[in-house]
């Protein structure tokens, strides 16, 4: 991809993320204190490095470097009162068939959004998928103990592998 094309695509997806964040916030405007949504910046990476008692050991610094190379990325930092509550990265696939979350983590010590980080992230993903005219939104490699939670959020299509079990949960998006 040429530099000019990459810059154009990067700008287009930056705007799509911004719009999806705004509409996502409208869905949670009842929450007090207010939720703040941003792209993942240095302050979010610093805050995530201080999380204790994590279920996963993702290197968010490494993920930030990797995903910064993907113009069509899904990227979200979730904040309340200056406290980082959750992070997610994913992408829109070539051909814009799927918008997916590859990595999603919440601060295990967070008290602001207990039970809501996944809901906020999947709402954002759905909106990104719709804005890109994707057919499906997918949670890639969900933790087995969270399958029922994501199914309640509408991700009911199980993508399975004979050897690995559930490798993704999907939902169809409105096309039009």
N, C-alpha and C. Protein backbone atom coordinates (compact mmCIF):
# COMPACT_ATOMS: atom_id res chain seq x y z
N UNK A 1 0.85 -1.17 0.00
CA UNK A 1 0.00 0.00 0.00
C UNK A 1 0.91 1.24 0.00
N UNK A 2 0.62 2.15 -0.89
CA UNK A 2 1.40 3.38 -0.96
C UNK A 2 1.11 4.26 0.25
N UNK A 3 2.06 5.13 0.59
CA UNK A 3 1.93 6.01 1.76
C UNK A 3 0.68 6.88 1.68
N UNK A 4 0.39 7.42 0.51
CA UNK A 4 -0.78 8.29 0.36
C UNK A 4 -2.08 7.51 0.59
N UNK A 5 -2.13 6.29 0.06
CA UNK A 5 -3.31 5.44 0.26
C UNK A 5 -3.47 5.08 1.74
N UNK A 6 -2.35 4.75 2.35
CA UNK A 6 -2.38 4.37 3.77
C UNK A 6 -2.86 5.54 4.63
N UNK A 7 -2.37 6.74 4.36
CA UNK A 7 -2.79 7.93 5.10
C UNK A 7 -4.29 8.19 4.93
N UNK A 8 -4.77 8.03 3.72
CA UNK A 8 -6.19 8.24 3.44
C UNK A 8 -7.04 7.23 4.21
N UNK A 9 -6.62 5.96 4.16
CA UNK A 9 -7.35 4.91 4.86
C UNK A 9 -7.28 5.11 6.37
N UNK A 10 -6.11 5.49 6.87
CA UNK A 10 -5.94 5.76 8.30
C UNK A 10 -6.89 6.87 8.75
N UNK A 11 -6.97 7.94 7.97
CA UNK A 11 -7.87 9.05 8.30
C UNK A 11 -9.33 8.64 8.27
N UNK A 12 -9.71 7.85 7.29
CA UNK A 12 -11.10 7.37 7.18
C UNK A 12 -11.47 6.54 8.40
N UNK A 13 -10.60 5.63 8.81
CA UNK A 13 -10.91 4.78 9.97
C UNK A 13 -10.79 5.52 11.29
N UNK A 14 -9.94 6.51 11.37
CA UNK A 14 -9.89 7.37 12.56
C UNK A 14 -11.25 8.06 12.74
N UNK A 15 -11.81 8.55 11.65
CA UNK A 15 -13.12 9.20 11.69
C UNK A 15 -14.23 8.20 12.04
N UNK A 16 -14.16 7.00 11.49
CA UNK A 16 -15.16 5.97 11.82
C UNK A 16 -15.10 5.60 13.30
N UNK A 17 -13.89 5.49 13.86
CA UNK A 17 -13.76 5.19 15.29
C UNK A 17 -14.35 6.32 16.12
N UNK A 18 -14.06 7.56 15.72
CA UNK A 18 -14.58 8.71 16.46
C UNK A 18 -16.11 8.72 16.44
N UNK A 19 -16.70 8.49 15.28
CA UNK A 19 -18.16 8.45 15.18
C UNK A 19 -18.75 7.30 15.99
N UNK A 20 -18.11 6.14 15.93
CA UNK A 20 -18.60 4.99 16.69
C UNK A 20 -18.51 5.25 18.20
N UNK A 21 -17.45 5.93 18.63
CA UNK A 21 -17.33 6.28 20.05
C UNK A 21 -18.47 7.20 20.47
N UNK A 22 -18.76 8.22 19.65
CA UNK A 22 -19.82 9.17 19.98
C UNK A 22 -21.17 8.48 20.12
N UNK A 23 -21.50 7.61 19.17
CA UNK A 23 -22.80 6.93 19.22
C UNK A 23 -22.83 5.92 20.37
N UNK A 24 -21.71 5.26 20.63
CA UNK A 24 -21.64 4.34 21.77
C UNK A 24 -21.93 5.09 23.07
N UNK A 25 -21.34 6.25 23.22
CA UNK A 25 -21.56 7.04 24.43
C UNK A 25 -23.03 7.42 24.60
N UNK A 26 -23.73 7.67 23.51
CA UNK A 26 -25.16 7.97 23.59
C UNK A 26 -25.93 6.80 24.20
N UNK A 27 -25.47 5.58 23.95
CA UNK A 27 -26.12 4.39 24.51
C UNK A 27 -25.91 4.27 26.02
N UNK A 28 -24.87 4.92 26.53
CA UNK A 28 -24.53 4.82 27.95
C UNK A 28 -24.56 6.17 28.63
N UNK A 29 -25.35 7.11 28.09
CA UNK A 29 -25.38 8.46 28.66
C UNK A 29 -26.02 8.49 30.05
N UNK A 30 -26.67 7.41 30.45
CA UNK A 30 -27.28 7.30 31.77
C UNK A 30 -26.25 7.01 32.86
N UNK A 31 -25.06 6.54 32.46
CA UNK A 31 -24.07 6.10 33.45
C UNK A 31 -23.46 7.29 34.18
N UNK A 32 -23.45 7.21 35.48
CA UNK A 32 -22.79 8.22 36.32
C UNK A 32 -21.77 7.52 37.20
N UNK A 33 -20.56 8.00 37.24
CA UNK A 33 -20.02 9.12 36.49
C UNK A 33 -19.91 8.78 35.00
N UNK A 34 -19.78 9.80 34.16
CA UNK A 34 -19.78 9.57 32.71
C UNK A 34 -18.62 8.71 32.23
N UNK A 35 -18.89 7.95 31.20
CA UNK A 35 -17.89 7.13 30.52
C UNK A 35 -17.21 8.00 29.47
N UNK A 36 -15.91 7.83 29.33
CA UNK A 36 -15.14 8.52 28.29
C UNK A 36 -14.49 7.45 27.42
N UNK A 37 -14.59 7.60 26.10
CA UNK A 37 -14.01 6.65 25.16
C UNK A 37 -12.98 7.36 24.30
N UNK A 38 -11.82 6.71 24.13
CA UNK A 38 -10.75 7.28 23.32
C UNK A 38 -10.08 6.17 22.52
N UNK A 39 -9.22 6.58 21.57
CA UNK A 39 -8.29 5.63 21.00
C UNK A 39 -7.28 5.29 22.09
N UNK A 40 -6.49 4.26 21.90
CA UNK A 40 -5.50 3.85 22.89
C UNK A 40 -4.25 4.71 22.70
N UNK A 41 -3.92 5.48 23.72
CA UNK A 41 -2.77 6.38 23.71
C UNK A 41 -1.78 5.96 24.80
N UNK A 42 -0.68 6.67 24.89
CA UNK A 42 0.38 6.35 25.85
C UNK A 42 -0.17 6.27 27.28
N UNK A 43 -1.06 7.20 27.67
CA UNK A 43 -1.58 7.20 29.04
C UNK A 43 -2.37 5.92 29.35
N UNK A 44 -3.05 5.38 28.35
CA UNK A 44 -3.79 4.13 28.54
C UNK A 44 -2.83 2.95 28.71
N UNK A 45 -1.77 2.93 27.92
CA UNK A 45 -0.79 1.85 28.02
C UNK A 45 -0.09 1.88 29.38
N UNK A 46 0.22 3.07 29.86
CA UNK A 46 0.84 3.22 31.18
C UNK A 46 -0.11 2.73 32.27
N UNK A 47 -1.38 3.11 32.18
CA UNK A 47 -2.36 2.69 33.18
C UNK A 47 -2.57 1.18 33.16
N UNK A 48 -2.65 0.58 31.98
CA UNK A 48 -2.87 -0.87 31.87
C UNK A 48 -1.70 -1.66 32.45
N UNK A 49 -0.50 -1.13 32.35
CA UNK A 49 0.67 -1.81 32.89
C UNK A 49 0.61 -1.91 34.41
N UNK A 50 -0.23 -1.12 35.04
CA UNK A 50 -0.36 -1.13 36.51
C UNK A 50 -1.51 -2.00 37.01
N UNK A 51 -2.26 -2.63 36.09
CA UNK A 51 -3.35 -3.49 36.51
C UNK A 51 -2.79 -4.70 37.26
N UNK A 52 -3.44 -5.08 38.37
CA UNK A 52 -3.02 -6.24 39.16
C UNK A 52 -4.12 -7.29 39.14
N UNK A 53 -3.73 -8.55 39.21
CA UNK A 53 -4.69 -9.64 39.26
C UNK A 53 -5.32 -9.93 37.91
N UNK A 54 -4.59 -9.69 36.84
CA UNK A 54 -5.12 -9.88 35.49
C UNK A 54 -5.34 -11.35 35.17
N UNK A 55 -6.41 -11.63 34.39
CA UNK A 55 -6.70 -13.00 33.93
C UNK A 55 -5.81 -13.39 32.76
N UNK A 56 -5.40 -12.40 31.99
CA UNK A 56 -4.56 -12.63 30.81
C UNK A 56 -3.30 -11.79 30.97
N UNK A 57 -2.30 -12.12 30.19
CA UNK A 57 -1.04 -11.39 30.30
C UNK A 57 -0.67 -10.78 28.95
N UNK A 58 -1.61 -10.05 28.36
CA UNK A 58 -1.33 -9.43 27.07
C UNK A 58 -0.39 -8.26 27.25
N UNK A 59 0.53 -8.13 26.33
CA UNK A 59 1.47 -7.02 26.32
C UNK A 59 0.84 -5.91 25.48
N UNK A 60 0.17 -4.97 26.14
CA UNK A 60 -0.55 -3.91 25.42
C UNK A 60 0.39 -3.00 24.67
N UNK A 61 1.63 -2.85 25.13
CA UNK A 61 2.63 -2.05 24.39
C UNK A 61 2.91 -2.71 23.04
N UNK A 62 3.13 -4.02 23.06
CA UNK A 62 3.38 -4.76 21.83
C UNK A 62 2.16 -4.72 20.92
N UNK A 63 0.99 -4.92 21.49
CA UNK A 63 -0.24 -4.86 20.70
C UNK A 63 -0.42 -3.48 20.06
N UNK A 64 -0.10 -2.42 20.80
CA UNK A 64 -0.23 -1.06 20.25
C UNK A 64 0.68 -0.88 19.04
N UNK A 65 1.91 -1.39 19.12
CA UNK A 65 2.83 -1.29 17.97
C UNK A 65 2.28 -2.09 16.79
N UNK A 66 1.79 -3.29 17.06
CA UNK A 66 1.27 -4.15 15.99
C UNK A 66 0.04 -3.52 15.32
N UNK A 67 -0.92 -3.10 16.12
CA UNK A 67 -2.17 -2.58 15.56
C UNK A 67 -2.01 -1.18 14.95
N UNK A 68 -0.99 -0.45 15.35
CA UNK A 68 -0.78 0.88 14.74
C UNK A 68 -0.43 0.74 13.26
N UNK A 69 -0.01 -0.45 12.85
CA UNK A 69 0.32 -0.71 11.45
C UNK A 69 -0.91 -1.10 10.63
N UNK A 70 -2.06 -1.25 11.28
CA UNK A 70 -3.29 -1.67 10.60
C UNK A 70 -4.23 -0.46 10.51
N UNK A 71 -4.36 0.15 9.33
CA UNK A 71 -5.24 1.31 9.23
C UNK A 71 -6.70 1.01 9.60
N UNK A 72 -7.18 -0.19 9.25
CA UNK A 72 -8.59 -0.55 9.48
C UNK A 72 -8.76 -1.24 10.84
N UNK A 73 -8.21 -0.60 11.87
CA UNK A 73 -8.24 -1.23 13.18
C UNK A 73 -9.47 -0.78 14.00
N UNK A 74 -9.83 -1.67 14.89
CA UNK A 74 -10.81 -1.40 15.93
C UNK A 74 -9.97 -1.15 17.17
N UNK A 75 -10.16 -0.01 17.81
CA UNK A 75 -9.29 0.40 18.91
C UNK A 75 -10.11 1.22 19.89
N UNK A 76 -10.06 0.83 21.16
CA UNK A 76 -10.88 1.54 22.14
C UNK A 76 -10.26 1.47 23.53
N UNK A 77 -10.19 2.62 24.19
CA UNK A 77 -9.85 2.72 25.61
C UNK A 77 -11.09 3.25 26.31
N UNK A 78 -11.47 2.62 27.42
CA UNK A 78 -12.69 2.96 28.16
C UNK A 78 -12.28 3.52 29.52
N UNK A 79 -12.73 4.74 29.81
CA UNK A 79 -12.34 5.47 31.02
C UNK A 79 -13.55 5.92 31.82
N UNK A 80 -13.39 6.02 33.11
CA UNK A 80 -14.35 6.68 34.00
C UNK A 80 -13.55 7.43 35.05
N UNK A 81 -13.85 8.71 35.19
CA UNK A 81 -13.18 9.57 36.17
C UNK A 81 -11.65 9.45 36.12
N UNK A 82 -11.11 9.43 34.91
CA UNK A 82 -9.66 9.36 34.75
C UNK A 82 -9.06 8.00 35.00
N UNK A 83 -9.89 6.99 35.29
CA UNK A 83 -9.41 5.63 35.53
C UNK A 83 -9.67 4.78 34.29
N UNK A 84 -8.62 4.12 33.81
CA UNK A 84 -8.76 3.22 32.67
C UNK A 84 -9.50 1.96 33.12
N UNK A 85 -10.62 1.68 32.48
CA UNK A 85 -11.45 0.52 32.86
C UNK A 85 -11.30 -0.64 31.89
N UNK A 86 -10.96 -0.37 30.63
CA UNK A 86 -10.84 -1.45 29.66
C UNK A 86 -10.15 -1.00 28.39
N UNK A 87 -9.62 -1.99 27.66
CA UNK A 87 -8.96 -1.78 26.37
C UNK A 87 -9.40 -2.84 25.39
N UNK A 88 -9.45 -2.48 24.12
CA UNK A 88 -9.67 -3.51 23.10
C UNK A 88 -9.01 -3.11 21.78
N UNK A 89 -8.55 -4.14 21.09
CA UNK A 89 -8.01 -4.00 19.73
C UNK A 89 -8.65 -5.07 18.86
N UNK A 90 -8.78 -4.75 17.61
CA UNK A 90 -9.27 -5.68 16.61
C UNK A 90 -9.08 -5.05 15.25
N UNK A 91 -9.83 -5.54 14.27
CA UNK A 91 -9.70 -4.98 12.93
C UNK A 91 -10.92 -5.29 12.09
N UNK A 92 -11.00 -4.58 11.00
CA UNK A 92 -11.98 -4.87 9.96
C UNK A 92 -11.20 -5.65 8.90
N UNK A 93 -11.69 -6.82 8.55
CA UNK A 93 -10.96 -7.69 7.63
C UNK A 93 -10.99 -7.16 6.21
N UNK A 94 -10.05 -7.66 5.40
CA UNK A 94 -10.03 -7.32 3.98
C UNK A 94 -11.39 -7.68 3.39
N UNK A 95 -11.88 -6.85 2.53
CA UNK A 95 -13.20 -7.07 1.94
C UNK A 95 -14.32 -6.62 2.86
N UNK A 96 -13.98 -6.15 4.07
CA UNK A 96 -14.93 -5.63 5.04
C UNK A 96 -16.07 -6.61 5.34
N UNK A 97 -15.77 -7.89 5.35
CA UNK A 97 -16.77 -8.89 5.69
C UNK A 97 -17.02 -8.93 7.20
N UNK A 98 -15.94 -8.78 7.97
CA UNK A 98 -16.02 -8.95 9.43
C UNK A 98 -15.35 -7.77 10.13
N UNK A 99 -16.00 -7.28 11.17
CA UNK A 99 -15.37 -6.38 12.14
C UNK A 99 -15.20 -7.22 13.39
N UNK A 100 -14.00 -7.24 13.94
CA UNK A 100 -13.78 -8.15 15.06
C UNK A 100 -12.95 -7.52 16.17
N UNK A 101 -13.16 -8.03 17.36
CA UNK A 101 -12.32 -7.73 18.51
C UNK A 101 -11.42 -8.93 18.72
N UNK A 102 -10.11 -8.69 18.69
CA UNK A 102 -9.13 -9.75 18.91
C UNK A 102 -8.70 -9.81 20.37
N UNK A 103 -8.59 -8.65 21.01
CA UNK A 103 -8.16 -8.57 22.41
C UNK A 103 -9.04 -7.59 23.15
N UNK A 104 -9.58 -8.04 24.26
CA UNK A 104 -10.42 -7.20 25.11
C UNK A 104 -10.08 -7.55 26.55
N UNK A 105 -9.78 -6.52 27.34
CA UNK A 105 -9.44 -6.76 28.73
C UNK A 105 -9.97 -5.60 29.57
N UNK A 106 -10.41 -5.94 30.76
CA UNK A 106 -10.85 -4.91 31.69
C UNK A 106 -9.92 -4.92 32.89
N UNK A 107 -9.85 -3.79 33.55
CA UNK A 107 -9.07 -3.69 34.78
C UNK A 107 -9.76 -4.56 35.83
N UNK A 108 -9.09 -5.60 36.32
CA UNK A 108 -9.74 -6.48 37.29
C UNK A 108 -10.12 -5.77 38.59
N UNK A 109 -9.49 -4.65 38.88
CA UNK A 109 -9.81 -3.92 40.10
C UNK A 109 -10.82 -2.81 39.90
N UNK A 110 -11.29 -2.64 38.67
CA UNK A 110 -12.21 -1.53 38.36
C UNK A 110 -13.54 -1.69 39.08
N UNK A 111 -14.01 -0.61 39.66
CA UNK A 111 -15.31 -0.62 40.32
C UNK A 111 -16.34 0.21 39.56
N UNK A 112 -15.89 0.98 38.58
CA UNK A 112 -16.79 1.87 37.85
C UNK A 112 -17.69 1.14 36.86
N UNK A 113 -17.14 0.18 36.14
CA UNK A 113 -17.87 -0.45 35.04
C UNK A 113 -17.97 -1.96 35.16
N UNK A 114 -18.07 -2.46 36.37
CA UNK A 114 -18.20 -3.90 36.56
C UNK A 114 -19.38 -4.41 35.75
N UNK A 115 -19.09 -5.37 34.87
CA UNK A 115 -20.13 -5.96 34.03
C UNK A 115 -20.48 -5.16 32.79
N UNK A 116 -19.85 -3.99 32.59
CA UNK A 116 -20.21 -3.15 31.45
C UNK A 116 -19.10 -2.99 30.41
N UNK A 117 -17.86 -3.32 30.71
CA UNK A 117 -16.78 -3.12 29.75
C UNK A 117 -17.05 -3.89 28.46
N UNK A 118 -17.45 -5.14 28.58
CA UNK A 118 -17.77 -5.94 27.39
C UNK A 118 -18.94 -5.36 26.62
N UNK A 119 -19.93 -4.86 27.32
CA UNK A 119 -21.10 -4.27 26.67
C UNK A 119 -20.71 -3.00 25.90
N UNK A 120 -19.89 -2.16 26.51
CA UNK A 120 -19.43 -0.95 25.83
C UNK A 120 -18.60 -1.32 24.60
N UNK A 121 -17.66 -2.25 24.76
CA UNK A 121 -16.78 -2.65 23.66
C UNK A 121 -17.55 -3.29 22.50
N UNK A 122 -18.52 -4.14 22.80
CA UNK A 122 -19.27 -4.78 21.72
C UNK A 122 -20.22 -3.80 21.03
N UNK A 123 -20.76 -2.84 21.77
CA UNK A 123 -21.57 -1.79 21.13
C UNK A 123 -20.72 -1.00 20.14
N UNK A 124 -19.50 -0.64 20.58
CA UNK A 124 -18.56 0.05 19.71
C UNK A 124 -18.24 -0.80 18.48
N UNK A 125 -17.97 -2.09 18.68
CA UNK A 125 -17.67 -2.99 17.57
C UNK A 125 -18.83 -3.06 16.58
N UNK A 126 -20.04 -3.20 17.10
CA UNK A 126 -21.21 -3.26 16.22
C UNK A 126 -21.30 -2.01 15.35
N UNK A 127 -21.08 -0.85 15.96
CA UNK A 127 -21.17 0.41 15.22
C UNK A 127 -20.05 0.55 14.20
N UNK A 128 -18.85 0.10 14.55
CA UNK A 128 -17.76 0.09 13.57
C UNK A 128 -18.11 -0.81 12.40
N UNK A 129 -18.64 -1.98 12.71
CA UNK A 129 -19.02 -2.92 11.65
C UNK A 129 -20.09 -2.36 10.73
N UNK A 130 -21.09 -1.71 11.30
CA UNK A 130 -22.16 -1.13 10.49
C UNK A 130 -21.59 0.00 9.63
N UNK A 131 -20.75 0.85 10.19
CA UNK A 131 -20.20 1.97 9.42
C UNK A 131 -19.31 1.49 8.27
N UNK A 132 -18.73 0.31 8.41
CA UNK A 132 -17.88 -0.27 7.36
C UNK A 132 -18.66 -1.21 6.44
N UNK A 133 -19.95 -1.35 6.72
CA UNK A 133 -20.84 -2.24 5.94
C UNK A 133 -20.38 -3.70 6.00
N UNK A 134 -19.92 -4.11 7.17
CA UNK A 134 -19.53 -5.50 7.39
C UNK A 134 -20.80 -6.34 7.57
N UNK A 135 -20.68 -7.62 7.26
CA UNK A 135 -21.80 -8.55 7.45
C UNK A 135 -21.90 -9.05 8.88
N UNK A 136 -20.73 -9.19 9.54
CA UNK A 136 -20.71 -9.77 10.88
C UNK A 136 -19.77 -9.02 11.80
N UNK A 137 -20.08 -9.07 13.07
CA UNK A 137 -19.18 -8.63 14.13
C UNK A 137 -18.77 -9.89 14.88
N UNK A 138 -17.50 -9.98 15.26
CA UNK A 138 -16.98 -11.19 15.87
C UNK A 138 -16.12 -10.86 17.08
N UNK A 139 -16.33 -11.62 18.16
CA UNK A 139 -15.44 -11.63 19.32
C UNK A 139 -14.53 -12.83 19.10
N UNK A 140 -13.26 -12.57 18.85
CA UNK A 140 -12.31 -13.63 18.53
C UNK A 140 -11.71 -14.20 19.81
N UNK A 141 -11.62 -15.50 19.91
CA UNK A 141 -11.02 -16.21 21.04
C UNK A 141 -11.57 -15.76 22.40
N UNK A 142 -12.89 -15.80 22.58
CA UNK A 142 -13.44 -15.39 23.88
C UNK A 142 -13.06 -16.38 24.97
N UNK A 143 -12.90 -15.87 26.16
CA UNK A 143 -12.64 -16.74 27.31
C UNK A 143 -13.86 -17.65 27.49
N UNK A 144 -13.65 -18.95 27.69
CA UNK A 144 -14.79 -19.87 27.82
C UNK A 144 -15.81 -19.45 28.87
N UNK A 145 -15.34 -18.87 29.98
CA UNK A 145 -16.26 -18.48 31.04
C UNK A 145 -17.09 -17.24 30.66
N UNK A 146 -16.76 -16.59 29.55
CA UNK A 146 -17.51 -15.40 29.12
C UNK A 146 -18.45 -15.67 27.94
N UNK A 147 -18.52 -16.91 27.47
CA UNK A 147 -19.38 -17.23 26.32
C UNK A 147 -20.84 -16.84 26.57
N UNK A 148 -21.38 -17.21 27.71
CA UNK A 148 -22.79 -16.90 28.01
C UNK A 148 -23.01 -15.38 28.07
N UNK A 149 -22.05 -14.64 28.62
CA UNK A 149 -22.14 -13.19 28.70
C UNK A 149 -22.24 -12.58 27.30
N UNK A 150 -21.35 -12.99 26.39
CA UNK A 150 -21.37 -12.45 25.03
C UNK A 150 -22.63 -12.88 24.27
N UNK A 151 -23.12 -14.07 24.57
CA UNK A 151 -24.36 -14.52 23.92
C UNK A 151 -25.53 -13.63 24.31
N UNK A 152 -25.59 -13.20 25.56
CA UNK A 152 -26.63 -12.27 26.01
C UNK A 152 -26.53 -10.95 25.24
N UNK A 153 -25.32 -10.58 24.85
CA UNK A 153 -25.11 -9.34 24.09
C UNK A 153 -25.38 -9.51 22.60
N UNK A 154 -25.85 -10.69 22.20
CA UNK A 154 -26.24 -10.92 20.81
C UNK A 154 -25.25 -11.70 19.97
N UNK A 155 -24.14 -12.08 20.55
CA UNK A 155 -23.12 -12.84 19.82
C UNK A 155 -23.41 -14.33 19.99
N UNK A 156 -24.33 -14.82 19.19
CA UNK A 156 -24.87 -16.17 19.38
C UNK A 156 -24.40 -17.18 18.34
N UNK A 157 -23.71 -16.73 17.30
CA UNK A 157 -23.23 -17.66 16.27
C UNK A 157 -21.85 -18.16 16.68
N UNK A 158 -21.79 -19.45 17.01
CA UNK A 158 -20.53 -20.03 17.46
C UNK A 158 -19.68 -20.45 16.26
N UNK A 159 -18.45 -19.97 16.26
CA UNK A 159 -17.47 -20.38 15.26
C UNK A 159 -16.57 -21.37 15.97
N UNK A 160 -16.57 -22.63 15.51
CA UNK A 160 -15.88 -23.67 16.25
C UNK A 160 -14.83 -24.37 15.40
N UNK A 161 -13.84 -24.91 16.11
CA UNK A 161 -12.79 -25.72 15.52
C UNK A 161 -12.82 -27.07 16.23
N UNK A 162 -12.61 -28.15 15.48
CA UNK A 162 -12.62 -29.48 16.10
C UNK A 162 -11.60 -29.60 17.23
N UNK A 163 -10.46 -28.99 17.06
CA UNK A 163 -9.39 -29.12 18.05
C UNK A 163 -9.47 -28.08 19.16
N UNK A 164 -10.00 -26.88 18.85
CA UNK A 164 -9.93 -25.79 19.82
C UNK A 164 -11.26 -25.40 20.44
N UNK A 165 -12.34 -25.98 20.02
CA UNK A 165 -13.64 -25.58 20.55
C UNK A 165 -14.08 -24.26 19.94
N UNK A 166 -14.67 -23.39 20.74
CA UNK A 166 -15.16 -22.10 20.25
C UNK A 166 -13.96 -21.18 20.00
N UNK A 167 -13.80 -20.74 18.75
CA UNK A 167 -12.72 -19.82 18.41
C UNK A 167 -13.25 -18.40 18.18
N UNK A 168 -14.57 -18.28 18.14
CA UNK A 168 -15.16 -16.96 17.98
C UNK A 168 -16.66 -17.00 18.17
N UNK A 169 -17.22 -15.86 18.56
CA UNK A 169 -18.66 -15.69 18.63
C UNK A 169 -19.02 -14.55 17.70
N UNK A 170 -20.04 -14.74 16.88
CA UNK A 170 -20.39 -13.75 15.88
C UNK A 170 -21.85 -13.35 15.98
N UNK A 171 -22.14 -12.21 15.39
CA UNK A 171 -23.52 -11.78 15.22
C UNK A 171 -23.62 -11.16 13.83
N UNK A 172 -24.77 -11.29 13.23
CA UNK A 172 -25.01 -10.66 11.94
C UNK A 172 -25.31 -9.19 12.17
N UNK A 173 -24.84 -8.35 11.26
CA UNK A 173 -25.08 -6.92 11.35
C UNK A 173 -26.09 -6.52 10.28
N UNK A 174 -26.85 -5.47 10.53
CA UNK A 174 -27.78 -5.00 9.50
C UNK A 174 -26.99 -4.45 8.32
N UNK A 175 -27.32 -4.88 7.14
CA UNK A 175 -26.63 -4.41 5.93
C UNK A 175 -27.55 -3.44 5.21
N UNK A 176 -27.00 -2.31 4.80
CA UNK A 176 -27.86 -1.39 4.08
C UNK A 176 -27.38 -0.03 4.03
